[in-house]
PDB file of N, CA and C in Angstrom:
ATOM      1  N   UNK A   1      -3.561 -12.156  -0.058  1.00  0.00           N
ATOM      2  CA  UNK A   1      -3.943 -10.865  -0.606  1.00  0.00           C
ATOM      3  C   UNK A   1      -5.444 -10.908  -0.873  1.00  0.00           C
ATOM      4  N   UNK A   2      -6.146  -9.989  -0.253  1.00  0.00           N
ATOM      5  CA  UNK A   2      -7.599  -9.908  -0.386  1.00  0.00           C
ATOM      6  C   UNK A   2      -7.991  -8.546  -0.958  1.00  0.00           C
ATOM      7  N   UNK A   3      -9.022  -8.499  -1.795  1.00  0.00           N
ATOM      8  CA  UNK A   3      -9.524  -7.197  -2.265  1.00  0.00           C
ATOM      9  C   UNK A   3      -9.981  -6.361  -1.074  1.00  0.00           C
ATOM     10  N   UNK A   4      -9.834  -5.047  -1.197  1.00  0.00           N
ATOM     11  CA  UNK A   4     -10.169  -4.148  -0.104  1.00  0.00           C
ATOM     12  C   UNK A   4     -10.916  -2.942  -0.655  1.00  0.00           C
ATOM     13  N   UNK A   5     -12.005  -2.579  -0.039  1.00  0.00           N
ATOM     14  CA  UNK A   5     -12.727  -1.378  -0.449  1.00  0.00           C
ATOM     15  C   UNK A   5     -13.556  -1.600  -1.695  1.00  0.00           C
ATOM     16  N   UNK A   6     -14.028  -0.494  -2.259  1.00  0.00           N
ATOM     17  CA  UNK A   6     -14.906  -0.573  -3.418  1.00  0.00           C
ATOM     18  C   UNK A   6     -14.155  -0.413  -4.741  1.00  0.00           C
ATOM     19  N   UNK A   7     -12.932   0.077  -4.694  1.00  0.00           N
ATOM     20  CA  UNK A   7     -12.156   0.284  -5.913  1.00  0.00           C
ATOM     21  C   UNK A   7     -11.431  -0.991  -6.312  1.00  0.00           C
ATOM     22  N   UNK A   8     -11.417  -1.254  -7.605  1.00  0.00           N
ATOM     23  CA  UNK A   8     -10.576  -2.339  -8.086  1.00  0.00           C
ATOM     24  C   UNK A   8      -9.130  -1.884  -7.952  1.00  0.00           C
ATOM     25  N   UNK A   9      -8.246  -2.799  -7.641  1.00  0.00           N
ATOM     26  CA  UNK A   9      -6.841  -2.446  -7.499  1.00  0.00           C
ATOM     27  C   UNK A   9      -6.425  -2.149  -6.082  1.00  0.00           C
ATOM     28  N   UNK A  10      -7.339  -2.298  -5.124  1.00  0.00           N
ATOM     29  CA  UNK A  10      -7.001  -2.102  -3.711  1.00  0.00           C
ATOM     30  C   UNK A  10      -6.973  -3.460  -3.028  1.00  0.00           C
ATOM     31  N   UNK A  11      -5.884  -3.752  -2.347  1.00  0.00           N
ATOM     32  CA  UNK A  11      -5.713  -5.041  -1.692  1.00  0.00           C
ATOM     33  C   UNK A  11      -5.178  -4.842  -0.292  1.00  0.00           C
ATOM     34  N   UNK A  12      -5.406  -5.827   0.552  1.00  0.00           N
ATOM     35  CA  UNK A  12      -4.918  -5.796   1.921  1.00  0.00           C
ATOM     36  C   UNK A  12      -4.439  -7.197   2.296  1.00  0.00           C
ATOM     37  N   UNK A  13      -3.427  -7.231   3.180  1.00  0.00           N
ATOM     38  CA  UNK A  13      -2.892  -8.504   3.650  1.00  0.00           C
ATOM     39  C   UNK A  13      -2.332  -8.310   5.044  1.00  0.00           C
ATOM     40  N   UNK A  14      -2.526  -9.281   5.917  1.00  0.00           N
ATOM     41  CA  UNK A  14      -1.916  -9.271   7.244  1.00  0.00           C
ATOM     42  C   UNK A  14      -0.526  -9.881   7.134  1.00  0.00           C
ATOM     43  N   UNK A  15       0.436  -9.254   7.805  1.00  0.00           N
ATOM     44  CA  UNK A  15       1.802  -9.758   7.817  1.00  0.00           C
ATOM     45  C   UNK A  15       2.380  -9.475   9.186  1.00  0.00           C
ATOM     46  N   UNK A  16       2.800 -10.513   9.875  1.00  0.00           N
ATOM     47  CA  UNK A  16       3.217 -10.392  11.280  1.00  0.00           C
ATOM     48  C   UNK A  16       2.071  -9.729  12.031  1.00  0.00           C
ATOM     49  N   UNK A  17       2.287  -8.638  12.691  1.00  0.00           N
ATOM     50  CA  UNK A  17       1.197  -7.940  13.377  1.00  0.00           C
ATOM     51  C   UNK A  17       0.843  -6.639  12.658  1.00  0.00           C
ATOM     52  N   UNK A  18       1.145  -6.569  11.381  1.00  0.00           N
ATOM     53  CA  UNK A  18       0.885  -5.385  10.568  1.00  0.00           C
ATOM     54  C   UNK A  18      -0.161  -5.678   9.508  1.00  0.00           C
ATOM     55  N   UNK A  19      -0.790  -4.632   9.025  1.00  0.00           N
ATOM     56  CA  UNK A  19      -1.703  -4.734   7.889  1.00  0.00           C
ATOM     57  C   UNK A  19      -1.052  -4.001   6.719  1.00  0.00           C
ATOM     58  N   UNK A  20      -0.877  -4.710   5.629  1.00  0.00           N
ATOM     59  CA  UNK A  20      -0.286  -4.132   4.424  1.00  0.00           C
ATOM     60  C   UNK A  20      -1.415  -3.756   3.477  1.00  0.00           C
ATOM     61  N   UNK A  21      -1.409  -2.521   3.031  1.00  0.00           N
ATOM     62  CA  UNK A  21      -2.430  -2.014   2.116  1.00  0.00           C
ATOM     63  C   UNK A  21      -1.752  -1.655   0.802  1.00  0.00           C
ATOM     64  N   UNK A  22      -2.327  -2.107  -0.295  1.00  0.00           N
ATOM     65  CA  UNK A  22      -1.750  -1.880  -1.620  1.00  0.00           C
ATOM     66  C   UNK A  22      -2.803  -1.226  -2.511  1.00  0.00           C
ATOM     67  N   UNK A  23      -2.378  -0.246  -3.284  1.00  0.00           N
ATOM     68  CA  UNK A  23      -3.243   0.399  -4.271  1.00  0.00           C
ATOM     69  C   UNK A  23      -2.549   0.366  -5.620  1.00  0.00           C
ATOM     70  N   UNK A  24      -3.292  -0.053  -6.621  1.00  0.00           N
ATOM     71  CA  UNK A  24      -2.779  -0.129  -7.987  1.00  0.00           C
ATOM     72  C   UNK A  24      -3.548   0.868  -8.836  1.00  0.00           C
ATOM     73  N   UNK A  25      -2.823   1.642  -9.629  1.00  0.00           N
ATOM     74  CA  UNK A  25      -3.438   2.601 -10.546  1.00  0.00           C
ATOM     75  C   UNK A  25      -2.991   2.276 -11.951  1.00  0.00           C
ATOM     76  N   UNK A  26      -3.949   2.218 -12.848  1.00  0.00           N
ATOM     77  CA  UNK A  26      -3.638   2.003 -14.251  1.00  0.00           C
ATOM     78  C   UNK A  26      -3.967   3.279 -15.008  1.00  0.00           C
ATOM     79  N   UNK A  27      -2.994   3.751 -15.762  1.00  0.00           N
ATOM     80  CA  UNK A  27      -3.193   4.987 -16.503  1.00  0.00           C
ATOM     81  C   UNK A  27      -2.463   4.945 -17.822  1.00  0.00           C
ATOM     82  N   UNK A  28      -2.404   6.098 -18.443  1.00  0.00           N
ATOM     83  CA  UNK A  28      -1.752   6.198 -19.751  1.00  0.00           C
ATOM     84  C   UNK A  28      -0.260   5.866 -19.664  1.00  0.00           C
ATOM     85  N   UNK A  29       0.340   6.127 -18.510  1.00  0.00           N
ATOM     86  CA  UNK A  29       1.773   5.892 -18.353  1.00  0.00           C
ATOM     87  C   UNK A  29       2.083   4.478 -17.872  1.00  0.00           C
ATOM     88  N   UNK A  30       1.067   3.647 -17.715  1.00  0.00           N
ATOM     89  CA  UNK A  30       1.284   2.281 -17.258  1.00  0.00           C
ATOM     90  C   UNK A  30       0.711   2.050 -15.875  1.00  0.00           C
ATOM     91  N   UNK A  31       1.208   1.045 -15.208  1.00  0.00           N
ATOM     92  CA  UNK A  31       0.712   0.667 -13.889  1.00  0.00           C
ATOM     93  C   UNK A  31       1.613   1.265 -12.815  1.00  0.00           C
ATOM     94  N   UNK A  32       0.981   1.864 -11.793  1.00  0.00           N
ATOM     95  CA  UNK A  32       1.700   2.359 -10.627  1.00  0.00           C
ATOM     96  C   UNK A  32       1.181   1.596  -9.418  1.00  0.00           C
ATOM     97  N   UNK A  33       2.082   1.182  -8.549  1.00  0.00           N
ATOM     98  CA  UNK A  33       1.653   0.509  -7.328  1.00  0.00           C
ATOM     99  C   UNK A  33       2.238   1.225  -6.120  1.00  0.00           C
ATOM    100  N   UNK A  34       1.437   1.300  -5.076  1.00  0.00           N
ATOM    101  CA  UNK A  34       1.793   1.970  -3.835  1.00  0.00           C
ATOM    102  C   UNK A  34       1.474   1.029  -2.683  1.00  0.00           C
ATOM    103  N   UNK A  35       2.190   1.176  -1.576  1.00  0.00           N
ATOM    104  CA  UNK A  35       1.819   0.430  -0.376  1.00  0.00           C
ATOM    105  C   UNK A  35       1.874   1.327   0.843  1.00  0.00           C
ATOM    106  N   UNK A  36       1.111   0.923   1.854  1.00  0.00           N
ATOM    107  CA  UNK A  36       1.094   1.600   3.153  1.00  0.00           C
ATOM    108  C   UNK A  36       1.006   0.501   4.207  1.00  0.00           C
ATOM    109  N   UNK A  37       1.649   0.718   5.355  1.00  0.00           N
ATOM    110  CA  UNK A  37       1.687  -0.280   6.422  1.00  0.00           C
ATOM    111  C   UNK A  37       1.001   0.282   7.665  1.00  0.00           C
ATOM    112  N   UNK A  38       0.081  -0.497   8.226  1.00  0.00           N
ATOM    113  CA  UNK A  38      -0.661  -0.122   9.424  1.00  0.00           C
ATOM    114  C   UNK A  38      -0.282  -1.039  10.578  1.00  0.00           C
ATOM    115  N   UNK A  39      -0.318  -0.498  11.777  1.00  0.00           N
ATOM    116  CA  UNK A  39      -0.219  -1.294  13.007  1.00  0.00           C
ATOM    117  C   UNK A  39      -1.386  -0.853  13.866  1.00  0.00           C
ATOM    118  N   UNK A  40      -2.329  -1.738  14.115  1.00  0.00           N
ATOM    119  CA  UNK A  40      -3.583  -1.410  14.793  1.00  0.00           C
ATOM    120  C   UNK A  40      -4.273  -0.322  13.978  1.00  0.00           C
ATOM    121  N   UNK A  41      -4.552   0.828  14.552  1.00  0.00           N
ATOM    122  CA  UNK A  41      -5.201   1.922  13.815  1.00  0.00           C
ATOM    123  C   UNK A  41      -4.238   3.052  13.505  1.00  0.00           C
ATOM    124  N   UNK A  42      -2.956   2.758  13.528  1.00  0.00           N
ATOM    125  CA  UNK A  42      -1.928   3.777  13.320  1.00  0.00           C
ATOM    126  C   UNK A  42      -1.124   3.449  12.060  1.00  0.00           C
ATOM    127  N   UNK A  43      -0.852   4.470  11.258  1.00  0.00           N
ATOM    128  CA  UNK A  43      -0.019   4.280  10.070  1.00  0.00           C
ATOM    129  C   UNK A  43       1.430   4.165  10.516  1.00  0.00           C
ATOM    130  N   UNK A  44       2.040   3.033  10.218  1.00  0.00           N
ATOM    131  CA  UNK A  44       3.445   2.824  10.571  1.00  0.00           C
ATOM    132  C   UNK A  44       4.363   3.331   9.464  1.00  0.00           C
ATOM    133  N   UNK A  45       3.987   3.109   8.228  1.00  0.00           N
ATOM    134  CA  UNK A  45       4.685   3.654   7.056  1.00  0.00           C
ATOM    135  C   UNK A  45       3.625   4.185   6.110  1.00  0.00           C
ATOM    136  N   UNK A  46       3.738   5.459   5.753  1.00  0.00           N
ATOM    137  CA  UNK A  46       2.746   6.027   4.847  1.00  0.00           C
ATOM    138  C   UNK A  46       3.050   5.586   3.413  1.00  0.00           C
ATOM    139  N   UNK A  47       2.251   6.013   2.493  1.00  0.00           N
ATOM    140  CA  UNK A  47       2.311   5.527   1.111  1.00  0.00           C
ATOM    141  C   UNK A  47       3.718   5.623   0.520  1.00  0.00           C
ATOM    142  N   UNK A  48       4.145   4.531  -0.067  1.00  0.00           N
ATOM    143  CA  UNK A  48       5.412   4.447  -0.794  1.00  0.00           C
ATOM    144  C   UNK A  48       5.109   3.985  -2.214  1.00  0.00           C
ATOM    145  N   UNK A  49       5.674   4.663  -3.173  1.00  0.00           N
ATOM    146  CA  UNK A  49       5.543   4.260  -4.570  1.00  0.00           C
ATOM    147  C   UNK A  49       6.565   3.176  -4.856  1.00  0.00           C
ATOM    148  N   UNK A  50       6.111   2.096  -5.460  1.00  0.00           N
ATOM    149  CA  UNK A  50       7.008   1.009  -5.834  1.00  0.00           C
ATOM    150  C   UNK A  50       7.369   1.205  -7.294  1.00  0.00           C
ATOM    151  N   UNK A  51       8.652   1.255  -7.565  1.00  0.00           N
ATOM    152  CA  UNK A  51       9.073   1.471  -8.951  1.00  0.00           C
ATOM    153  C   UNK A  51       8.577   0.321  -9.812  1.00  0.00           C
ATOM    154  N   UNK A  52       8.146   0.672 -10.978  1.00  0.00           N
ATOM    155  CA  UNK A  52       7.601  -0.353 -11.864  1.00  0.00           C
ATOM    156  C   UNK A  52       8.290  -0.267 -13.217  1.00  0.00           C
ATOM    157  N   UNK A  53       8.217  -1.363 -13.903  1.00  0.00           N
ATOM    158  CA  UNK A  53       8.684  -1.361 -15.286  1.00  0.00           C
ATOM    159  C   UNK A  53       7.534  -1.873 -16.144  1.00  0.00           C
ATOM    160  N   UNK A  54       7.699  -1.839 -17.413  1.00  0.00           N
ATOM    161  CA  UNK A  54       6.612  -2.196 -18.325  1.00  0.00           C
ATOM    162  C   UNK A  54       6.461  -3.697 -18.522  1.00  0.00           C
ATOM    163  N   UNK A  55       7.173  -4.485 -17.733  1.00  0.00           N
ATOM    164  CA  UNK A  55       7.089  -5.926 -17.947  1.00  0.00           C
ATOM    165  C   UNK A  55       5.971  -6.587 -17.142  1.00  0.00           C
ATOM    166  N   UNK A  56       5.321  -5.849 -16.239  1.00  0.00           N
ATOM    167  CA  UNK A  56       4.232  -6.447 -15.462  1.00  0.00           C
ATOM    168  C   UNK A  56       2.993  -6.533 -16.337  1.00  0.00           C
ATOM    169  N   UNK A  57       2.569  -7.708 -16.712  1.00  0.00           N
ATOM    170  CA  UNK A  57       1.425  -7.791 -17.618  1.00  0.00           C
ATOM    171  C   UNK A  57       0.083  -7.676 -16.917  1.00  0.00           C
ATOM    172  N   UNK A  58       0.026  -7.853 -15.600  1.00  0.00           N
ATOM    173  CA  UNK A  58      -1.266  -7.841 -14.930  1.00  0.00           C
ATOM    174  C   UNK A  58      -1.230  -6.980 -13.679  1.00  0.00           C
ATOM    175  N   UNK A  59      -2.408  -6.545 -13.283  1.00  0.00           N
ATOM    176  CA  UNK A  59      -2.561  -5.793 -12.048  1.00  0.00           C
ATOM    177  C   UNK A  59      -2.176  -6.654 -10.849  1.00  0.00           C
ATOM    178  N   UNK A  60      -2.518  -7.913 -10.903  1.00  0.00           N
ATOM    179  CA  UNK A  60      -2.221  -8.816  -9.782  1.00  0.00           C
ATOM    180  C   UNK A  60      -0.710  -8.949  -9.555  1.00  0.00           C
ATOM    181  N   UNK A  61       0.068  -9.028 -10.615  1.00  0.00           N
ATOM    182  CA  UNK A  61       1.529  -9.101 -10.455  1.00  0.00           C
ATOM    183  C   UNK A  61       2.081  -7.804  -9.891  1.00  0.00           C
ATOM    184  N   UNK A  62       1.511  -6.678 -10.290  1.00  0.00           N
ATOM    185  CA  UNK A  62       1.939  -5.389  -9.737  1.00  0.00           C
ATOM    186  C   UNK A  62       1.604  -5.321  -8.247  1.00  0.00           C
ATOM    187  N   UNK A  63       0.433  -5.818  -7.872  1.00  0.00           N
ATOM    188  CA  UNK A  63       0.043  -5.835  -6.466  1.00  0.00           C
ATOM    189  C   UNK A  63       0.956  -6.756  -5.673  1.00  0.00           C
ATOM    190  N   UNK A  64       1.286  -7.900  -6.222  1.00  0.00           N
ATOM    191  CA  UNK A  64       2.176  -8.831  -5.528  1.00  0.00           C
ATOM    192  C   UNK A  64       3.559  -8.217  -5.326  1.00  0.00           C
ATOM    193  N   UNK A  65       4.044  -7.494  -6.334  1.00  0.00           N
ATOM    194  CA  UNK A  65       5.342  -6.822  -6.227  1.00  0.00           C
ATOM    195  C   UNK A  65       5.309  -5.765  -5.114  1.00  0.00           C
ATOM    196  N   UNK A  66       4.209  -5.020  -5.017  1.00  0.00           N
ATOM    197  CA  UNK A  66       4.082  -4.008  -3.964  1.00  0.00           C
ATOM    198  C   UNK A  66       4.005  -4.675  -2.588  1.00  0.00           C
ATOM    199  N   UNK A  67       3.304  -5.791  -2.486  1.00  0.00           N
ATOM    200  CA  UNK A  67       3.246  -6.508  -1.208  1.00  0.00           C
ATOM    201  C   UNK A  67       4.619  -7.034  -0.810  1.00  0.00           C
ATOM    202  N   UNK A  68       5.387  -7.512  -1.773  1.00  0.00           N
ATOM    203  CA  UNK A  68       6.753  -7.953  -1.484  1.00  0.00           C
ATOM    204  C   UNK A  68       7.584  -6.801  -0.924  1.00  0.00           C
ATOM    205  N   UNK A  69       7.439  -5.619  -1.533  1.00  0.00           N
ATOM    206  CA  UNK A  69       8.179  -4.439  -1.054  1.00  0.00           C
ATOM    207  C   UNK A  69       7.707  -4.038   0.343  1.00  0.00           C
ATOM    208  N   UNK A  70       6.412  -4.136   0.608  1.00  0.00           N
ATOM    209  CA  UNK A  70       5.884  -3.793   1.926  1.00  0.00           C
ATOM    210  C   UNK A  70       6.394  -4.770   2.988  1.00  0.00           C
ATOM    211  N   UNK A  71       6.427  -6.066   2.662  1.00  0.00           N
ATOM    212  CA  UNK A  71       6.955  -7.054   3.606  1.00  0.00           C
ATOM    213  C   UNK A  71       8.428  -6.783   3.913  1.00  0.00           C
ATOM    214  N   UNK A  72       9.193  -6.447   2.888  1.00  0.00           N
ATOM    215  CA  UNK A  72      10.613  -6.132   3.082  1.00  0.00           C
ATOM    216  C   UNK A  72      10.771  -4.893   3.963  1.00  0.00           C
ATOM    217  N   UNK A  73       9.908  -3.892   3.778  1.00  0.00           N
ATOM    218  CA  UNK A  73       9.970  -2.680   4.604  1.00  0.00           C
ATOM    219  C   UNK A  73       9.645  -3.001   6.056  1.00  0.00           C
ATOM    220  N   UNK A  74       8.679  -3.866   6.289  1.00  0.00           N
ATOM    221  CA  UNK A  74       8.359  -4.266   7.659  1.00  0.00           C
ATOM    222  C   UNK A  74       9.563  -4.934   8.297  1.00  0.00           C
ATOM    223  N   UNK A  75      10.171  -5.859   7.580  1.00  0.00           N
ATOM    224  CA  UNK A  75      11.340  -6.563   8.123  1.00  0.00           C
ATOM    225  C   UNK A  75      12.511  -5.610   8.372  1.00  0.00           C
ATOM    226  N   UNK A  76      12.743  -4.697   7.461  1.00  0.00           N
ATOM    227  CA  UNK A  76      13.913  -3.811   7.560  1.00  0.00           C
ATOM    228  C   UNK A  76      13.702  -2.647   8.528  1.00  0.00           C
ATOM    229  N   UNK A  77      12.501  -2.072   8.541  1.00  0.00           N
ATOM    230  CA  UNK A  77      12.305  -0.818   9.258  1.00  0.00           C
ATOM    231  C   UNK A  77      11.452  -0.924  10.512  1.00  0.00           C
ATOM    232  N   UNK A  78      10.541  -1.902  10.561  1.00  0.00           N
ATOM    233  CA  UNK A  78       9.549  -1.873  11.624  1.00  0.00           C
ATOM    234  C   UNK A  78       9.611  -3.022  12.618  1.00  0.00           C
ATOM    235  N   UNK A  79      10.174  -4.129  12.226  1.00  0.00           N
ATOM    236  CA  UNK A  79      10.129  -5.302  13.089  1.00  0.00           C
ATOM    237  C   UNK A  79      10.779  -5.030  14.448  1.00  0.00           C
ATOM    238  N   UNK A  80      11.831  -4.266  14.486  1.00  0.00           N
ATOM    239  CA  UNK A  80      12.513  -3.960  15.748  1.00  0.00           C
ATOM    240  C   UNK A  80      11.797  -2.838  16.511  1.00  0.00           C
ATOM    241  N   UNK A  81      11.248  -1.883  15.799  1.00  0.00           N
ATOM    242  CA  UNK A  81      10.622  -0.740  16.433  1.00  0.00           C
ATOM    243  C   UNK A  81       9.237  -1.066  17.007  1.00  0.00           C
ATOM    244  N   UNK A  82       8.567  -2.080  16.465  1.00  0.00           N
ATOM    245  CA  UNK A  82       7.225  -2.441  16.896  1.00  0.00           C
ATOM    246  C   UNK A  82       7.256  -3.884  17.395  1.00  0.00           C
ATOM    247  N   UNK A  83       7.482  -4.086  18.664  1.00  0.00           N
ATOM    248  CA  UNK A  83       7.523  -5.480  19.169  1.00  0.00           C
ATOM    249  C   UNK A  83       6.186  -6.181  18.960  1.00  0.00           C
ATOM    250  N   UNK A  84       6.270  -7.465  18.710  1.00  0.00           N
ATOM    251  CA  UNK A  84       5.060  -8.263  18.512  1.00  0.00           C
ATOM    252  C   UNK A  84       4.341  -8.432  19.846  1.00  0.00           C
ATOM    253  N   UNK A  85       3.007  -8.436  19.812  1.00  0.00           N
ATOM    254  CA  UNK A  85       2.268  -8.627  21.055  1.00  0.00           C
ATOM    255  C   UNK A  85       2.486 -10.026  21.623  1.00  0.00           C
ATOM    256  N   UNK A  86       2.476 -10.128  22.921  1.00  0.00           N
ATOM    257  CA  UNK A  86       2.688 -11.427  23.578  1.00  0.00           C
ATOM    258  C   UNK A  86       1.402 -12.202  23.662  1.00  0.00           C
TER     259      UNK A  86
END
């Protein structure tokens, strides 16, 4: 997981042949985390909100939870539809 962009709370990670993008927002209602999955320059899965609870004490744990959800989505929804390059 690497920081991405100029905003704090934005992270990116390569997984298989996909790029996982995570955004974390901290507000009055707590932490919200979202993920989006890219393949090359095309959005494979647009932003998904990851349900959160108040037990995440840090932004990094919220980002890790969103990345876990993004990896699971790639395995469940995209791995068959997007063959890996040879």
